[in-house]
Amino acid sequence: MRHRVAGRHLGRETSHRIALYRNLVTDLLRYERITTTEAKAKEIRPMAERIITLGRRGDLHARRQALRFLYDPKVVKKVFDDIGPRMKDRPGGYLRITALEPRKGDGARMATIELVDIAGSVAMPRPQRVTAPPTTTRTPTPGAAAAARAAADIEAARTAQPAAPEAESPAPQTEPETAPETDTTAEATTTPQAQTAAQTQPEEEKND
């Protein structure tokens, strides 16, 4: 359990983490500027400043203490011969940390740690963050834009042409009404007098 254990673990074991710090401090004092994550830069800053303080002292015991921490004896020689005398009038604050843009890929917060009077170079300015302007309308795709332009051209051509007069539709032809056919061969109605006359006529012919 992590009780009263100060500092960042950085997801590493103790031996791995200490070796990482020693490598970073060695490279920082060798090149006087490195770029790493913000968490690592904040962790190695007091360690590197302690080594520079040893370089300001300049005695044999301080040199042996620096050799116990740094990996490269050439870097120790540079600290005691170059960096220490440069920082002789500065009571502290030998390093500066400048935040950078997040790293692409995992979005880790990056930073540059460097000496405040880095030799032969000016201080690295902090980059300006560029944010995209808010978009209110959706950008159409090339295919949708072409279709929209074609529809607009068709609509413009339709409105430019005069409307053709509508042809009068012919009146519907209605068939003439046909009178109901009368039966000319209908039998004439016979009355009772006619029937009796017809019956008496043959009798008269027989008497003649």
Protein backbone atom coordinates (compact mmCIF):
# COMPACT_ATOMS: atom_id res chain seq x y z
CA MET A 1 0.00 0.00 0.00
CA ARG A 2 1.16 3.52 -0.81
CA HIS A 3 1.31 5.16 2.60
CA ARG A 4 3.35 8.36 3.03
CA VAL A 5 5.31 7.72 -0.16
CA ALA A 6 5.89 11.06 -1.88
CA GLY A 7 6.67 11.59 -5.54
CA ARG A 8 5.39 10.21 -8.83
CA HIS A 9 5.75 6.50 -9.49
CA LEU A 10 5.28 6.84 -13.28
CA GLY A 11 4.15 3.23 -13.50
CA ARG A 12 7.67 1.89 -12.86
CA GLU A 13 9.51 0.02 -10.14
CA THR A 14 11.96 1.84 -7.89
CA SER A 15 15.14 0.73 -9.67
CA HIS A 16 13.68 1.48 -13.10
CA ARG A 17 12.44 4.90 -11.99
CA ILE A 18 15.79 5.93 -10.45
CA ALA A 19 17.67 4.83 -13.57
CA LEU A 20 15.24 6.88 -15.68
CA TYR A 21 15.87 9.97 -13.55
CA ARG A 22 19.65 9.56 -13.71
CA ASN A 23 19.53 9.25 -17.50
CA LEU A 24 17.32 12.32 -17.87
CA VAL A 25 19.50 14.47 -15.58
CA THR A 26 22.63 13.36 -17.43
CA ASP A 27 21.15 14.28 -20.80
CA LEU A 28 19.81 17.57 -19.46
CA LEU A 29 23.24 18.66 -18.22
CA ARG A 30 24.89 17.43 -21.41
CA TYR A 31 22.59 19.21 -23.89
CA GLU A 32 21.26 21.91 -21.50
CA ARG A 33 17.75 21.40 -22.91
CA ILE A 34 15.55 18.34 -23.31
CA THR A 35 11.90 17.74 -24.12
CA THR A 36 9.99 15.21 -22.06
CA THR A 37 6.66 14.82 -20.33
CA GLU A 38 5.67 17.44 -17.81
CA ALA A 39 5.59 14.94 -14.94
CA LYS A 40 9.16 13.76 -15.61
CA ALA A 41 10.41 17.32 -16.01
CA LYS A 42 9.00 18.29 -12.61
CA GLU A 43 10.56 15.23 -11.01
CA ILE A 44 14.10 15.72 -12.34
CA ARG A 45 14.25 19.47 -11.76
CA PRO A 46 15.33 19.33 -8.07
CA MET A 47 17.80 16.55 -8.82
CA ALA A 48 19.48 18.52 -11.61
CA GLU A 49 19.57 21.69 -9.48
CA ARG A 50 21.26 19.76 -6.70
CA ILE A 51 23.98 18.62 -9.10
CA ILE A 52 24.48 22.21 -10.32
CA THR A 53 24.82 23.32 -6.67
CA LEU A 54 27.57 20.74 -6.26
CA GLY A 55 29.23 22.20 -9.34
CA ARG A 56 29.14 25.65 -7.72
CA ARG A 57 30.96 24.30 -4.66
CA GLY A 58 33.69 22.82 -6.84
CA ASP A 59 35.51 20.76 -4.16
CA LEU A 60 36.56 17.12 -4.41
CA HIS A 61 33.80 15.79 -2.20
CA ALA A 62 31.14 17.54 -4.32
CA ARG A 63 32.69 16.08 -7.48
CA ARG A 64 32.56 12.56 -6.03
CA GLN A 65 28.92 13.05 -5.04
CA ALA A 66 28.10 14.13 -8.60
CA LEU A 67 29.94 11.09 -9.98
CA ARG A 68 27.72 8.84 -7.82
CA PHE A 69 24.58 10.14 -9.55
CA LEU A 70 25.56 11.00 -13.15
CA TYR A 71 26.49 8.27 -15.58
CA ASP A 72 28.96 10.19 -17.76
CA PRO A 73 32.21 11.58 -16.23
CA LYS A 74 32.43 14.06 -19.12
CA VAL A 75 29.13 15.59 -18.02
CA VAL A 76 30.50 15.89 -14.47
CA LYS A 77 33.54 17.73 -15.82
CA LYS A 78 31.23 20.08 -17.78
CA VAL A 79 29.17 20.80 -14.66
CA PHE A 80 32.22 21.73 -12.57
CA ASP A 81 34.13 23.55 -15.30
CA ASP A 82 31.34 25.33 -17.22
CA ILE A 83 27.87 25.25 -15.70
CA GLY A 84 28.94 25.78 -12.07
CA PRO A 85 30.95 28.95 -12.73
CA ARG A 86 28.10 30.33 -14.89
CA MET A 87 25.66 29.88 -12.02
CA LYS A 88 28.02 31.23 -9.33
CA ASP A 89 26.05 34.45 -8.77
CA ARG A 90 22.63 32.80 -8.95
CA PRO A 91 21.30 31.59 -5.59
CA GLY A 92 18.95 29.06 -7.17
CA GLY A 93 16.42 28.55 -9.89
CA TYR A 94 18.86 27.23 -12.50
CA LEU A 95 16.22 25.60 -14.68
CA ARG A 96 12.96 26.59 -16.35
CA ILE A 97 10.09 24.40 -17.52
CA THR A 98 8.07 25.48 -20.55
CA ALA A 99 4.81 23.69 -21.29
CA LEU A 100 4.23 22.48 -24.85
CA GLU A 101 1.36 21.08 -26.84
CA PRO A 102 0.07 17.63 -25.86
CA ARG A 103 1.78 14.74 -27.54
CA LYS A 104 -0.01 13.30 -30.54
CA GLY A 105 -1.09 9.75 -29.96
CA ASP A 106 -1.69 9.53 -26.22
CA GLY A 107 -2.27 13.22 -25.42
CA ALA A 108 0.45 13.33 -22.74
CA ARG A 109 1.33 16.81 -21.49
CA MET A 110 4.77 17.72 -22.85
CA ALA A 111 7.30 20.25 -21.56
CA THR A 112 10.80 21.54 -22.25
CA ILE A 113 13.24 21.81 -19.35
CA GLU A 114 16.39 23.89 -19.91
CA LEU A 115 18.99 26.03 -18.19
CA VAL A 116 17.91 29.62 -17.71
CA ASP A 117 21.10 30.84 -19.40
CA ILE A 118 21.44 28.10 -21.98
CA ALA A 119 24.63 28.76 -23.92
CA GLY A 120 24.32 29.91 -27.52
CA SER A 121 20.52 29.88 -27.62
CA VAL A 122 17.62 32.05 -26.61
CA ALA A 123 14.87 30.89 -24.33
CA MET A 124 12.29 28.78 -26.09
CA PRO A 125 9.02 30.73 -26.30
CA ARG A 126 5.83 29.06 -25.30
CA PRO A 127 3.84 28.16 -28.42
CA GLN A 128 0.49 29.75 -28.98
CA ARG A 129 -2.42 27.38 -28.88
CA VAL A 130 -4.41 27.44 -32.10
CA THR A 131 -8.05 26.57 -31.74
CA ALA A 132 -10.38 25.91 -34.61
CA PRO A 133 -13.24 28.38 -35.04
CA PRO A 134 -16.66 27.06 -34.08
CA THR A 135 -18.51 25.64 -37.03
CA THR A 136 -22.24 26.30 -37.18
CA THR A 137 -22.98 24.72 -40.53
CA ARG A 138 -21.92 21.32 -41.68
CA THR A 139 -19.51 21.33 -44.60
CA PRO A 140 -21.14 19.47 -47.51
CA THR A 141 -19.31 16.67 -49.21
CA PRO A 142 -18.18 17.13 -52.86
CA GLY A 143 -20.96 14.89 -54.12
CA ALA A 144 -23.63 16.73 -52.13
CA ALA A 145 -22.28 20.11 -53.28
CA ALA A 146 -22.40 19.04 -56.94
CA ALA A 147 -25.95 17.75 -56.54
CA ALA A 148 -26.99 21.02 -54.88
CA ARG A 149 -25.48 23.06 -57.71
CA ALA A 150 -27.22 20.92 -60.35
CA ALA A 151 -30.56 21.33 -58.56
CA ALA A 152 -30.04 25.09 -58.37
CA ASP A 153 -29.25 25.25 -62.13
CA ILE A 154 -32.38 23.28 -62.98
CA GLU A 155 -34.51 25.54 -60.79
CA ALA A 156 -32.99 28.67 -62.37
CA ALA A 157 -33.64 27.37 -65.89
CA ARG A 158 -37.22 26.51 -64.97
CA THR A 159 -37.93 29.97 -63.64
CA ALA A 160 -36.24 31.70 -66.62
CA GLN A 161 -38.44 30.00 -69.28
CA PRO A 162 -41.98 31.53 -69.79
CA ALA A 163 -44.79 29.29 -68.85
CA ALA A 164 -46.50 27.74 -71.91
CA PRO A 165 -50.27 28.45 -72.24
CA GLU A 166 -52.38 25.56 -71.29
CA ALA A 167 -54.25 24.00 -74.26
CA GLU A 168 -58.00 24.05 -73.92
CA SER A 169 -59.26 20.61 -73.44
CA PRO A 170 -61.99 19.66 -75.96
CA ALA A 171 -65.48 19.43 -74.62
CA PRO A 172 -66.57 15.89 -74.03
CA GLN A 173 -68.69 14.56 -76.89
CA THR A 174 -72.05 13.42 -75.75
CA GLU A 175 -73.98 10.86 -77.77
CA PRO A 176 -77.36 12.14 -79.02
CA GLU A 177 -80.24 10.76 -77.19
CA THR A 178 -82.04 8.20 -79.31
CA ALA A 179 -85.82 8.13 -79.15
CA PRO A 180 -87.25 4.87 -78.14
CA GLU A 181 -88.09 2.77 -81.15
CA THR A 182 -91.79 2.35 -81.81
CA ASP A 183 -93.09 -0.96 -82.98
CA THR A 184 -94.80 -0.25 -86.33
CA THR A 185 -96.03 -3.78 -86.52
CA ALA A 186 -97.88 -3.52 -83.32
CA GLU A 187 -101.26 -5.07 -83.62
CA ALA A 188 -104.18 -2.68 -83.64
CA THR A 189 -106.50 -2.96 -80.83
CA THR A 190 -109.73 -4.67 -81.74
CA THR A 191 -113.01 -3.62 -80.38
CA PRO A 192 -115.93 -5.96 -79.72
CA GLN A 193 -117.93 -4.44 -82.64
CA ALA A 194 -115.13 -5.24 -85.06
CA GLN A 195 -114.97 -8.81 -83.86
CA THR A 196 -118.69 -9.31 -84.40
CA ALA A 197 -118.49 -7.70 -87.87
CA ALA A 198 -115.73 -10.08 -88.81
CA GLN A 199 -117.74 -13.07 -87.67
CA THR A 200 -120.87 -12.04 -89.59
CA GLN A 201 -119.17 -11.32 -92.89
CA PRO A 202 -118.49 -14.92 -93.85
CA GLU A 203 -122.09 -15.87 -93.13
CA GLU A 204 -123.31 -13.18 -95.50
CA GLU A 205 -120.97 -14.44 -98.21
CA LYS A 206 -122.36 -17.91 -97.80
CA ASN A 207 -125.99 -16.67 -98.29
CA ASP A 208 -125.03 -14.91 -101.52
